[in-house]
């Protein structure tokens, strides 16, 4: 059966009937502010924690500095992605089970790209030749088309670990269907063999030879699979904060990519400590300039352009010249402290702080409590206006033991009120802030689940009995923790369905509505996807 279309439920698409005014723009702004606040809050706290707990992975580790500007076998260098501007780096606390089809599965380490410009064990990789008889000159250089490995040093992990592409899709790794897993892997298997492909449209001469040079854009392709190492702006939460995901783009995806941003995702350049020092020095000049600006100037050199790009991500206020950007660009603890300080000084963050306290309490109350709260608000909304009195709203929250202080009540009122002269708040807006439109990867797995139910239902019509017959209560987080029995979880699940059709039919819209509420309650995408997959045996 074909997968149903995915109409995301979002308050931003609704116009509230309140003095004839549309609140869509305000909601979108508040959603963005809240998400930025939550990302920065977690990012700052994780950075400070990483600086302490994983200090050994962040200790400065010098790279090879080649005076000839060329890449040699045995060089220890960093890889910079053109799309994110970040350096390729590993998280040894985030292990991935890898099946390389040759032996028992072994562990790999997750990869990301980030903008902490310090060469350290996380991001310094050593270039090594795979085969002395590969047909390339014995001149010590890395050549385009030559097979090589990139390995992390002993400062990162006790065992050697190599850049690896498995060539197959892996669940839970933020991958699209045409992308495959890349990680650091502890075995020197064929999947750890790579070659460099020259990117022609870079406006540079070829130097008269096929030697790879520092700073020149290139594509890094898997020798056995043909996929290309890539990174994009999709954020993933690591133990070091919010960083950009890394993947292997499939050969077909690489061949079909002609748009500039897609090409940039698989474009990398080898850089060294000297490059980082030059960017940091340029950042110090930019911040110290009386006409401090992050806008790129046509006369900017490469280092200054890079410096402005990295500074733009640090929220450095104009005139903050007493802060040395070197600390923020190279020191995880200082950067984490900086993000937290900037948020505390933001006058708009009081509402974000209040919601940041409330939302986790709702999520921790149970997988279905968010849905119940929304239904209670709808029942209290006798005029179907999307609003209820602030006291009624506070009463709904008290059902799961959330008590709002008067100051918090005032903040919520200011954030959610629909009319300056009314004591009513927009509860739809509250739940929209808790869960912006469902991400594509979440929508995909929900569509797959409903398509499977339709395929197995007589006439393709899904009924309540089909839900009871096929749903697996072991997917419920509280069953896995031993809080609920499977029978209790099944009873709770069936109570969530207020079937509108007299024949007990469950429409796609009703199925989606249920999982949008679950999506609100489950913050981590990987966990949500597993709940749906296990629930319907996908």
Protein backbone atom coordinates (compact mmCIF):
# COMPACT_ATOMS: atom_id res chain seq x y z
CA UNK A 1 0.00 0.00 0.00
CA UNK A 2 1.18 3.50 -0.77
CA UNK A 3 2.30 5.61 2.15
CA UNK A 4 -0.18 8.36 3.07
CA UNK A 5 0.64 12.02 2.63
CA UNK A 6 1.98 13.71 5.74
CA UNK A 7 0.06 16.86 6.76
CA UNK A 8 2.02 18.20 9.74
CA UNK A 9 -0.17 19.54 12.53
CA UNK A 10 1.18 22.93 13.44
CA UNK A 11 -0.40 25.87 15.15
CA UNK A 12 1.62 28.07 12.80
CA UNK A 13 -0.81 27.03 10.06
CA UNK A 14 -3.87 28.02 12.10
CA UNK A 15 -5.47 31.42 12.45
CA UNK A 16 -6.96 31.99 15.88
CA UNK A 17 -10.32 33.71 16.13
CA UNK A 18 -9.37 36.43 18.55
CA UNK A 19 -10.19 40.00 17.61
CA UNK A 20 -9.68 38.88 14.00
CA UNK A 21 -5.90 38.59 14.48
CA UNK A 22 -3.57 35.89 13.17
CA UNK A 23 -0.95 34.65 15.63
CA UNK A 24 0.97 32.47 13.18
CA UNK A 25 3.98 34.77 12.88
CA UNK A 26 4.30 35.16 16.66
CA UNK A 27 4.15 31.39 17.15
CA UNK A 28 6.85 30.77 14.58
CA UNK A 29 9.08 33.35 16.26
CA UNK A 30 8.48 31.83 19.70
CA UNK A 31 9.09 28.30 18.40
CA UNK A 32 12.39 29.42 16.95
CA UNK A 33 13.39 31.24 20.14
CA UNK A 34 12.53 28.27 22.30
CA UNK A 35 14.35 25.78 20.11
CA UNK A 36 17.39 28.05 19.96
CA UNK A 37 17.29 28.43 23.72
CA UNK A 38 17.03 24.68 24.34
CA UNK A 39 19.81 23.90 21.86
CA UNK A 40 22.13 26.53 23.32
CA UNK A 41 21.33 25.53 26.90
CA UNK A 42 22.17 21.89 26.26
CA UNK A 43 25.13 22.83 24.09
CA UNK A 44 26.62 25.08 26.78
CA UNK A 45 26.14 22.57 29.57
CA UNK A 46 27.53 19.68 27.54
CA UNK A 47 30.57 21.68 26.46
CA UNK A 48 31.40 22.54 30.07
CA UNK A 49 30.88 18.91 31.07
CA UNK A 50 33.02 17.61 28.21
CA UNK A 51 35.84 19.96 29.18
CA UNK A 52 35.97 18.20 32.55
CA UNK A 53 34.93 14.59 31.93
CA UNK A 54 36.57 14.11 28.51
CA UNK A 55 39.47 16.46 28.99
CA UNK A 56 41.96 13.97 27.54
CA UNK A 57 40.21 14.06 24.15
CA UNK A 58 40.38 17.88 24.02
CA UNK A 59 44.02 18.33 25.01
CA UNK A 60 45.96 20.14 22.25
CA UNK A 61 47.60 17.71 19.82
CA UNK A 62 49.84 19.33 17.22
CA UNK A 63 49.39 18.41 13.58
CA UNK A 64 52.10 18.00 10.98
CA UNK A 65 53.00 21.37 9.49
CA UNK A 66 54.35 20.83 5.98
CA UNK A 67 56.26 23.76 4.56
CA UNK A 68 55.59 22.61 0.98
CA UNK A 69 51.79 22.74 1.45
CA UNK A 70 51.37 19.13 0.33
CA UNK A 71 49.86 16.10 2.07
CA UNK A 72 52.34 13.32 2.85
CA UNK A 73 51.89 9.73 3.99
CA UNK A 74 52.32 9.77 7.76
CA UNK A 75 51.03 13.33 8.16
CA UNK A 76 48.69 14.00 11.08
CA UNK A 77 46.06 16.48 9.90
CA UNK A 78 42.45 17.61 10.31
CA UNK A 79 39.58 17.49 7.78
CA UNK A 80 37.34 20.52 7.30
CA UNK A 81 33.92 20.24 5.66
CA UNK A 82 32.91 22.93 3.16
CA UNK A 83 29.18 22.87 4.01
CA UNK A 84 29.44 23.16 7.80
CA UNK A 85 32.89 24.72 8.17
CA UNK A 86 33.39 22.18 10.95
CA UNK A 87 36.26 19.79 11.59
CA UNK A 88 35.66 16.04 11.39
CA UNK A 89 35.76 14.66 14.93
CA UNK A 90 34.94 11.55 16.92
CA UNK A 91 32.96 10.95 20.12
CA UNK A 92 34.45 7.89 21.85
CA UNK A 93 31.62 7.88 24.38
CA UNK A 94 29.07 7.30 21.60
CA UNK A 95 29.67 3.72 20.44
CA UNK A 96 28.04 2.11 17.42
CA UNK A 97 27.80 -1.61 16.77
CA UNK A 98 29.27 -2.29 13.31
CA UNK A 99 28.75 -5.48 11.33
CA UNK A 100 31.43 -5.62 8.63
CA UNK A 101 30.25 -9.03 7.32
CA UNK A 102 33.59 -10.61 8.10
CA UNK A 103 33.60 -11.37 11.82
CA UNK A 104 31.55 -10.79 14.92
CA UNK A 105 30.29 -7.22 15.25
CA UNK A 106 32.68 -4.73 16.81
CA UNK A 107 32.27 -1.19 18.11
CA UNK A 108 32.75 2.02 16.19
CA UNK A 109 32.69 5.63 17.36
CA UNK A 110 30.21 8.24 16.11
CA UNK A 111 31.45 11.13 13.96
CA UNK A 112 30.35 14.73 13.60
CA UNK A 113 31.74 18.07 12.47
CA UNK A 114 32.21 20.94 14.91
CA UNK A 115 33.73 24.40 15.04
CA UNK A 116 36.04 24.13 18.04
CA UNK A 117 39.27 25.15 16.29
CA UNK A 118 41.82 23.27 18.33
CA UNK A 119 43.75 20.30 17.01
CA UNK A 120 43.18 17.51 19.51
CA UNK A 121 42.72 13.77 19.77
CA UNK A 122 39.12 14.10 18.56
CA UNK A 123 40.00 15.55 15.17
CA UNK A 124 43.62 14.75 14.29
CA UNK A 125 43.90 11.81 11.89
CA UNK A 126 47.03 10.24 10.40
CA UNK A 127 47.28 9.47 6.68
CA UNK A 128 48.68 6.01 5.87
CA UNK A 129 49.24 4.08 2.67
CA UNK A 130 47.26 0.87 2.19
CA UNK A 131 49.40 -0.89 -0.40
CA UNK A 132 53.00 -0.11 -1.40
CA UNK A 133 52.30 -1.74 -4.75
CA UNK A 134 49.35 0.49 -5.64
CA UNK A 135 51.02 1.86 -8.77
CA UNK A 136 51.68 5.33 -7.39
CA UNK A 137 55.18 6.85 -7.04
CA UNK A 138 57.30 6.12 -3.96
CA UNK A 139 57.61 9.86 -3.29
CA UNK A 140 55.88 9.96 0.10
CA UNK A 141 52.99 12.15 -1.12
CA UNK A 142 49.24 11.38 -1.11
CA UNK A 143 47.99 11.38 -4.70
CA UNK A 144 44.48 11.75 -6.08
CA UNK A 145 43.05 8.29 -6.70
CA UNK A 146 45.51 6.60 -4.34
CA UNK A 147 44.03 4.31 -1.66
CA UNK A 148 44.78 5.40 1.91
CA UNK A 149 43.53 5.15 5.48
CA UNK A 150 42.88 7.83 8.10
CA UNK A 151 43.54 6.67 11.66
CA UNK A 152 43.07 8.24 15.09
CA UNK A 153 46.01 8.27 17.50
CA UNK A 154 46.38 6.50 20.86
CA UNK A 155 45.46 9.74 22.66
CA UNK A 156 41.82 9.13 21.64
CA UNK A 157 41.47 5.40 22.30
CA UNK A 158 43.61 2.51 23.48
CA UNK A 159 43.04 0.61 20.23
CA UNK A 160 43.65 1.97 16.72
CA UNK A 161 40.54 3.37 15.03
CA UNK A 162 40.10 4.20 11.34
CA UNK A 163 37.68 6.27 9.30
CA UNK A 164 35.18 3.71 8.04
CA UNK A 165 32.22 3.43 5.67
CA UNK A 166 30.06 0.35 6.04
CA UNK A 167 28.22 0.84 2.74
CA UNK A 168 24.84 -0.05 4.30
CA UNK A 169 22.02 1.86 5.96
CA UNK A 170 22.07 1.97 9.79
CA UNK A 171 19.09 2.77 12.01
CA UNK A 172 19.25 5.51 14.59
CA UNK A 173 22.12 7.44 12.98
CA UNK A 174 20.21 10.40 11.44
CA UNK A 175 20.56 8.88 7.96
CA UNK A 176 18.37 9.31 4.91
CA UNK A 177 17.58 6.18 2.89
CA UNK A 178 20.27 6.93 0.30
CA UNK A 179 22.95 7.49 2.95
CA UNK A 180 25.12 4.99 4.81
CA UNK A 181 27.03 4.93 8.07
CA UNK A 182 30.47 6.46 8.51
CA UNK A 183 32.30 6.20 11.82
CA UNK A 184 35.68 5.44 13.37
CA UNK A 185 36.17 1.67 13.45
CA UNK A 186 38.66 -0.46 15.35
CA UNK A 187 39.48 -2.85 12.47
CA UNK A 188 41.48 -2.10 9.32
CA UNK A 189 38.87 -3.71 7.05
CA UNK A 190 38.26 -2.83 3.38
CA UNK A 191 35.66 -0.31 4.56
CA UNK A 192 38.51 1.81 5.98
CA UNK A 193 40.07 2.36 2.55
CA UNK A 194 39.48 5.73 0.88
CA UNK A 195 40.69 7.77 -2.08
CA UNK A 196 40.67 11.50 -2.87
CA UNK A 197 38.85 12.88 -5.90
CA UNK A 198 39.82 16.27 -7.26
CA UNK A 199 37.00 18.83 -7.35
CA UNK A 200 37.47 20.67 -10.62
CA UNK A 201 35.37 23.78 -10.03
CA UNK A 202 37.54 25.24 -7.30
CA UNK A 203 39.27 27.99 -9.26
CA UNK A 204 42.72 26.61 -8.50
CA UNK A 205 45.48 25.32 -10.73
CA UNK A 206 46.45 21.66 -10.54
CA UNK A 207 50.02 22.43 -9.45
CA UNK A 208 51.30 20.44 -12.40
CA UNK A 209 50.86 17.08 -10.63
CA UNK A 210 48.29 14.88 -8.91
CA UNK A 211 49.49 15.49 -5.32
CA UNK A 212 46.86 16.42 -2.72
CA UNK A 213 47.47 19.84 -1.17
CA UNK A 214 46.50 21.44 2.13
CA UNK A 215 43.39 23.60 1.94
CA UNK A 216 42.29 22.43 -1.50
CA UNK A 217 38.70 21.14 -1.80
CA UNK A 218 38.39 17.46 -2.61
CA UNK A 219 35.95 14.59 -2.23
CA UNK A 220 36.83 11.57 -0.09
CA UNK A 221 35.32 8.40 -1.55
CA UNK A 222 35.08 4.91 -0.09
CA UNK A 223 37.28 2.60 -2.15
CA UNK A 224 35.02 -0.50 -1.87
CA UNK A 225 31.61 1.23 -1.91
CA UNK A 226 32.08 4.43 -3.94
CA UNK A 227 30.12 6.54 -1.44
CA UNK A 228 31.49 9.94 -0.42
CA UNK A 229 32.11 11.18 3.11
CA UNK A 230 29.71 14.05 3.86
CA UNK A 231 28.37 16.39 6.52
CA UNK A 232 25.51 18.90 6.58
CA UNK A 233 23.84 21.39 8.92
CA UNK A 234 21.59 18.77 10.55
CA UNK A 235 22.42 18.91 14.25
CA UNK A 236 22.90 15.85 16.42
CA UNK A 237 23.33 15.94 20.17
CA UNK A 238 26.75 14.57 21.14
CA UNK A 239 28.49 14.39 24.50
CA UNK A 240 30.28 17.58 23.44
CA UNK A 241 27.12 19.54 22.57
CA UNK A 242 25.26 20.18 19.33
CA UNK A 243 27.36 19.19 16.33
CA UNK A 244 26.67 18.50 12.67
CA UNK A 245 26.02 14.95 11.50
CA UNK A 246 28.41 12.95 9.31
CA UNK A 247 27.39 10.32 6.77
CA UNK A 248 28.42 8.60 3.55
CA UNK A 249 26.47 9.80 0.52
CA UNK A 250 25.67 6.95 -1.85
CA UNK A 251 27.27 6.85 -5.31
CA UNK A 252 23.95 7.69 -6.98
CA UNK A 253 23.43 10.62 -4.65
CA UNK A 254 26.93 11.97 -5.39
CA UNK A 255 26.46 11.57 -9.15
CA UNK A 256 23.10 13.35 -9.08
CA UNK A 257 24.25 16.22 -6.85
CA UNK A 258 24.82 19.33 -8.93
CA UNK A 259 23.46 21.98 -6.55
CA UNK A 260 26.17 23.96 -4.81
CA UNK A 261 25.05 23.05 -1.27
CA UNK A 262 24.96 19.33 -2.09
CA UNK A 263 28.45 19.45 -3.59
CA UNK A 264 29.70 21.32 -0.50
CA UNK A 265 28.36 18.57 1.80
CA UNK A 266 30.87 16.11 0.35
CA UNK A 267 33.68 18.65 -0.15
CA UNK A 268 36.54 18.51 2.36
CA UNK A 269 40.01 19.94 2.70
CA UNK A 270 43.01 18.84 4.74
CA UNK A 271 44.04 21.56 7.21
CA UNK A 272 46.68 21.83 9.91
CA UNK A 273 47.32 23.72 13.15
CA UNK A 274 48.82 26.62 11.22
CA UNK A 275 45.52 27.10 9.38
CA UNK A 276 43.67 27.19 12.72
CA UNK A 277 46.15 29.69 14.15
CA UNK A 278 45.71 31.96 11.13
CA UNK A 279 41.90 31.88 11.45
CA UNK A 280 42.09 32.63 15.18
CA UNK A 281 44.50 35.53 14.59
CA UNK A 282 42.10 36.90 11.96
CA UNK A 283 39.21 36.55 14.44
CA UNK A 284 41.14 38.58 17.01
CA UNK A 285 41.65 41.34 14.45
CA UNK A 286 37.97 41.30 13.44
CA UNK A 287 36.70 41.52 17.03
CA UNK A 288 39.25 44.18 17.95
CA UNK A 289 38.28 46.38 15.01
CA UNK A 290 36.39 49.53 16.03
CA UNK A 291 34.01 48.79 13.13
CA UNK A 292 33.51 45.20 14.24
CA UNK A 293 31.24 43.43 11.75
CA UNK A 294 30.51 39.84 10.84
CA UNK A 295 29.47 40.79 7.31
CA UNK A 296 31.89 39.40 4.74
CA UNK A 297 33.78 41.95 2.70
CA UNK A 298 34.85 41.26 -0.92
CA UNK A 299 38.39 42.25 0.09
CA UNK A 300 38.54 39.67 2.90
CA UNK A 301 41.21 37.02 2.57
CA UNK A 302 40.39 33.33 3.19
CA UNK A 303 41.38 33.46 6.89
CA UNK A 304 39.24 36.55 7.55
CA UNK A 305 36.25 35.04 5.74
CA UNK A 306 36.57 31.88 7.81
CA UNK A 307 37.00 33.93 10.98
CA UNK A 308 33.80 35.90 10.37
CA UNK A 309 31.91 32.66 9.73
CA UNK A 310 33.04 31.08 13.01
CA UNK A 311 32.47 34.26 15.02
CA UNK A 312 28.90 34.49 13.70
CA UNK A 313 28.10 31.26 15.54
CA UNK A 314 29.33 32.58 18.90
CA UNK A 315 26.82 35.40 19.53
CA UNK A 316 29.58 37.88 20.34
CA UNK A 317 27.93 41.30 20.88
CA UNK A 318 29.32 44.27 19.01
CA UNK A 319 31.96 46.08 21.02
CA UNK A 320 32.80 43.02 23.12
CA UNK A 321 36.45 43.54 22.30
CA UNK A 322 37.64 42.69 25.82
CA UNK A 323 36.84 39.03 25.10
CA UNK A 324 39.62 37.11 23.37
CA UNK A 325 37.95 35.03 20.62
CA UNK A 326 40.83 32.54 20.90
CA UNK A 327 39.28 31.25 24.13
CA UNK A 328 35.86 30.84 22.55
CA UNK A 329 37.21 29.20 19.41
CA UNK A 330 39.55 26.73 21.12
CA UNK A 331 38.45 26.16 24.73
CA UNK A 332 35.35 23.98 25.32
CA UNK A 333 34.88 25.14 28.92
CA UNK A 334 35.10 28.83 28.02
CA UNK A 335 32.76 28.41 25.07
CA UNK A 336 30.19 26.58 27.18
CA UNK A 337 30.37 29.27 29.87
CA UNK A 338 30.00 31.95 27.18
CA UNK A 339 26.81 30.43 25.75
CA UNK A 340 25.24 30.14 29.20
CA UNK A 341 26.19 33.74 30.06
CA UNK A 342 24.75 35.13 26.82
CA UNK A 343 21.45 33.33 27.52
CA UNK A 344 21.27 34.66 31.07
CA UNK A 345 21.71 38.22 29.76
CA UNK A 346 18.96 37.79 27.16
CA UNK A 347 15.80 39.54 28.46
CA UNK A 348 13.59 37.25 26.34
CA UNK A 349 14.92 34.08 27.98
CA UNK A 350 12.69 34.16 31.09
CA UNK A 351 9.82 32.57 29.13
CA UNK A 352 12.22 30.00 27.66
CA UNK A 353 13.52 29.13 31.13
CA UNK A 354 9.99 28.62 32.41
CA UNK A 355 9.05 26.35 29.50
CA UNK A 356 12.40 24.57 29.87
CA UNK A 357 11.31 23.63 33.39
CA UNK A 358 7.76 22.62 32.48
CA UNK A 359 8.29 20.58 29.31
CA UNK A 360 10.62 17.93 30.82
CA UNK A 361 8.20 17.45 33.72
CA UNK A 362 5.40 16.72 31.25
CA UNK A 363 7.55 14.34 29.23
CA UNK A 364 8.77 12.52 32.33
CA UNK A 365 5.19 11.97 33.49
CA UNK A 366 4.68 9.26 30.86
CA UNK A 367 4.40 8.65 27.13
CA UNK A 368 0.65 9.31 26.98
CA UNK A 369 0.39 12.13 29.53
CA UNK A 370 1.02 14.84 26.93
CA UNK A 371 -1.91 13.56 24.87
CA UNK A 372 -4.11 13.48 27.96
CA UNK A 373 -3.17 17.07 28.88
CA UNK A 374 -4.02 18.29 25.38
CA UNK A 375 -7.36 16.48 25.50
CA UNK A 376 -8.13 18.01 28.92
CA UNK A 377 -7.46 21.47 27.51
CA UNK A 378 -9.77 20.75 24.56
CA UNK A 379 -12.52 19.60 26.95
CA UNK A 380 -12.15 22.82 28.98
CA UNK A 381 -12.34 24.84 25.74
CA UNK A 382 -16.14 24.84 25.50
CA UNK A 383 -16.17 27.36 22.63
CA UNK A 384 -13.53 25.52 20.57
CA UNK A 385 -11.53 28.75 20.38
CA UNK A 386 -8.14 27.25 21.20
CA UNK A 387 -8.06 29.17 24.48
CA UNK A 388 -8.86 28.54 28.14
CA UNK A 389 -8.57 30.62 31.32
CA UNK A 390 -5.10 30.75 32.83
CA UNK A 391 -6.41 29.22 36.07
CA UNK A 392 -7.92 26.32 34.13
CA UNK A 393 -4.61 25.85 32.33
CA UNK A 394 -2.75 25.80 35.64
CA UNK A 395 -5.30 23.26 36.91
CA UNK A 396 -4.64 20.98 33.93
CA UNK A 397 -0.91 21.06 34.67
CA UNK A 398 -1.56 20.28 38.34
CA UNK A 399 -3.10 16.95 37.23
CA UNK A 400 0.47 15.71 36.74
CA UNK A 401 1.73 17.56 39.83
CA UNK A 402 3.15 20.62 38.04
CA UNK A 403 2.56 23.67 40.21
CA UNK A 404 3.16 27.07 38.65
CA UNK A 405 4.56 29.79 40.88
CA UNK A 406 2.94 33.21 40.53
CA UNK A 407 5.93 34.55 38.62
CA UNK A 408 5.76 31.59 36.24
CA UNK A 409 2.01 32.12 35.89
CA UNK A 410 2.65 35.72 34.85
CA UNK A 411 5.30 34.65 32.34
CA UNK A 412 3.04 31.98 30.82
CA UNK A 413 0.21 34.50 30.67
CA UNK A 414 2.41 37.01 28.87
CA UNK A 415 3.63 34.37 26.42
CA UNK A 416 0.29 32.71 25.65
CA UNK A 417 -2.35 35.41 26.15
CA UNK A 418 -4.49 36.10 23.08
CA UNK A 419 -5.78 39.51 24.15
CA UNK A 420 -4.20 42.07 26.51
CA UNK A 421 -7.58 42.47 28.23
CA UNK A 422 -8.31 38.75 28.61
CA UNK A 423 -7.24 36.14 31.16
CA UNK A 424 -7.36 33.39 28.52
CA UNK A 425 -4.26 31.68 27.15
CA UNK A 426 -3.69 29.87 23.88
CA UNK A 427 -3.08 26.23 24.85
CA UNK A 428 -2.58 25.22 21.21
CA UNK A 429 0.37 27.57 21.10
CA UNK A 430 1.78 25.97 24.26
CA UNK A 431 1.74 22.50 22.72
CA UNK A 432 3.10 23.84 19.44
CA UNK A 433 6.07 25.29 21.33
CA UNK A 434 6.56 21.93 23.02
CA UNK A 435 6.70 20.14 19.67
CA UNK A 436 7.24 22.03 16.40
CA UNK A 437 6.15 20.23 13.18
CA UNK A 438 7.24 16.61 13.14
CA UNK A 439 10.67 16.06 11.62
CA UNK A 440 10.82 14.16 8.32
CA UNK A 441 12.50 11.09 9.80
CA UNK A 442 9.70 10.82 12.39
CA UNK A 443 7.01 11.32 9.77
CA UNK A 444 8.56 8.64 7.57
CA UNK A 445 8.41 5.92 10.22
CA UNK A 446 4.79 6.82 11.12
CA UNK A 447 3.83 6.64 7.45
CA UNK A 448 5.56 3.25 7.18
CA UNK A 449 3.63 1.94 10.20
CA UNK A 450 0.24 3.01 8.82
CA UNK A 451 1.10 1.67 5.37
CA UNK A 452 1.90 -1.72 6.93
CA UNK A 453 -1.42 -1.73 8.82
CA UNK A 454 -3.31 -0.89 5.62
CA UNK A 455 -1.48 -3.60 3.68
CA UNK A 456 -2.60 -6.24 6.19
CA UNK A 457 -6.17 -4.97 6.70
CA UNK A 458 -9.11 -6.31 4.64
CA UNK A 459 -9.78 -3.84 1.87
CA UNK A 460 -6.98 -1.64 3.17
CA UNK A 461 -9.25 -0.24 5.89
CA UNK A 462 -7.56 0.00 9.30
CA UNK A 463 -9.81 -0.64 12.30
CA UNK A 464 -9.33 -0.46 16.06
CA UNK A 465 -9.12 -4.25 16.15
CA UNK A 466 -6.07 -4.06 13.88
CA UNK A 467 -4.34 -1.78 16.38
CA UNK A 468 -5.04 -4.20 19.21
CA UNK A 469 -3.92 -7.19 17.13
CA UNK A 470 -0.60 -5.78 15.91
CA UNK A 471 0.69 -3.27 18.47
CA UNK A 472 3.49 -4.65 20.66
CA UNK A 473 3.37 -3.25 24.21
CA UNK A 474 7.07 -4.02 24.72
CA UNK A 475 7.79 -0.81 22.81
CA UNK A 476 6.35 1.27 25.69
CA UNK A 477 9.25 2.86 27.63
CA UNK A 478 7.53 2.20 30.97
CA UNK A 479 7.23 -1.51 30.15
CA UNK A 480 10.94 -1.59 29.41
CA UNK A 481 11.64 0.09 32.76
CA UNK A 482 9.36 -2.35 34.61
CA UNK A 483 6.87 0.35 35.64
CA UNK A 484 3.98 -1.12 33.62
CA UNK A 485 3.10 -4.67 32.70
CA UNK A 486 2.40 -5.47 29.05
CA UNK A 487 -1.32 -5.84 29.81
CA UNK A 488 -1.39 -2.44 31.54
CA UNK A 489 0.45 -0.85 28.61
CA UNK A 490 -2.02 -2.37 26.14
CA UNK A 491 -4.99 -1.05 28.14
CA UNK A 492 -3.41 2.41 28.27
CA UNK A 493 -2.70 2.33 24.53
CA UNK A 494 -6.26 1.37 23.59
CA UNK A 495 -7.70 4.15 25.77
CA UNK A 496 -5.91 6.71 23.59
CA UNK A 497 -8.13 6.07 20.61
CA UNK A 498 -11.36 8.04 20.49
CA UNK A 499 -12.48 6.56 17.18
CA UNK A 500 -14.73 9.00 15.32
CA UNK A 501 -16.01 6.42 12.80
CA UNK A 502 -18.95 4.35 14.04
CA UNK A 503 -17.44 1.26 12.38
CA UNK A 504 -14.26 1.63 14.41
CA UNK A 505 -12.17 2.71 11.45
CA UNK A 506 -8.87 4.45 12.20
CA UNK A 507 -8.10 7.08 9.61
CA UNK A 508 -4.61 8.23 8.69
CA UNK A 509 -5.38 11.58 10.30
CA UNK A 510 -6.31 9.90 13.61
CA UNK A 511 -3.22 7.69 13.49
CA UNK A 512 -1.01 10.69 12.78
CA UNK A 513 -2.69 12.73 15.52
CA UNK A 514 -1.81 10.05 18.07
CA UNK A 515 1.84 9.92 17.04
CA UNK A 516 2.17 13.70 16.96
CA UNK A 517 1.25 13.64 20.64
CA UNK A 518 3.78 10.86 21.26
CA UNK A 519 6.33 12.92 19.36
CA UNK A 520 5.77 15.77 21.82
CA UNK A 521 6.43 13.41 24.72
CA UNK A 522 9.57 11.83 23.25
CA UNK A 523 12.31 14.42 22.70
CA UNK A 524 14.99 12.17 21.18
CA UNK A 525 14.32 11.25 17.57
CA UNK A 526 16.15 7.92 17.85
CA UNK A 527 13.93 6.87 20.76
CA UNK A 528 10.75 7.94 18.96
CA UNK A 529 11.71 6.01 15.82
CA UNK A 530 12.44 2.87 17.86
CA UNK A 531 9.10 3.15 19.71
CA UNK A 532 7.24 3.18 16.39
CA UNK A 533 9.41 0.53 14.75
CA UNK A 534 9.15 -1.91 17.65
CA UNK A 535 5.49 -1.11 18.22
CA UNK A 536 4.56 -2.28 14.72
CA UNK A 537 7.42 -4.72 14.02
CA UNK A 538 8.84 -2.63 11.17
